Amino acid sequence: MSIIIFLISIIPTVLIIRWMMRRKKEDELYNKSCKSALIRGLISVLPILAVSLIFNLITAVLKLSLLRDAHVLVNQAIYNFVVLALAEEFVKFLSFRQLLNKKYNEYTWADVTAFMVIIGAAFGLVEDIPYAIGASPMVMLVRGFTMGHIGYGFMMGWFYGKSLYTGKKGFAIISFLLPFLLHGLYDFSLSEELIAVNDNFAAIGLSLAALDIVLLVLMIRFFRRSRNKEHYNTPLIVAEKPAEQGNI
């Protein structure tokens, strides 16, 4: 029964990936970029584990020195924000930037956003597997239908696309910082250590889960509107070397 619930829970994510990949189904170069984004998202769990291990070792050293007398909540916040959220968002952002640097095609604001949504969705699929082990059906369904990594991916892609369109690097910084901070706050708000202090803090996590749904609505609205908005379909990154199109 758990397997069936898990398969049901990943249906929304699979449908969003399919939607993003079929936005321009006649555009072979766009489809190639989408496939690359999908692969990058699926395998990003490996470098994330490596980066998390490094961050975990650094925090362990800090706990024995500078943070030796720190409150348990300080150590938990560092774990949630740095070891988990920072590692995941950093690797996803790096994979995203590397994809854009390949320059398979003339990327638009909408394209850039779609690529990051795919990366976030693909990583979320892989992450859901270990979380599903021993989890209740309700937890699996909540994770499956809130899709936090897709929401974070949408924010990251949208703000990065805005930075390319406007030429303002500040939006590129926001594209990383905002998903990272929301991700870290979500994990921290649901930690046992924080809830042990006051179980009302769980409301923060529930509010952020609701925000994930709002982000999904905004994402759907964006892609529907983008078809008729010239600035969302203006090439921002122009392919320079067609010979590189065979690379992933």
Foldseek 3Di string as FASTA:
>chain_A
DLVVLLVVLQVVLVVLLVCLLVVPVVDPLLNLLSVLLLVLLQPLVVQLVVQLVVLVVVLVVCCVPVVVPPDPLVSLLSNLLPSPLVSSLVSLVVSLVVSLVLQSFQDFLLSQLSSLLSSLSSNLSNVLVVVSVVDDSVVSNLCSVLSLSSLLSNLLSNLVNVCLLVVPCVSNVCSRVVSSVLSSLLVSLPDPVNCVVPVVSVVSNVVSSVVSVVSVVVNVVCSVCLVPDVNRVDGRRHRDDNVSNVDD
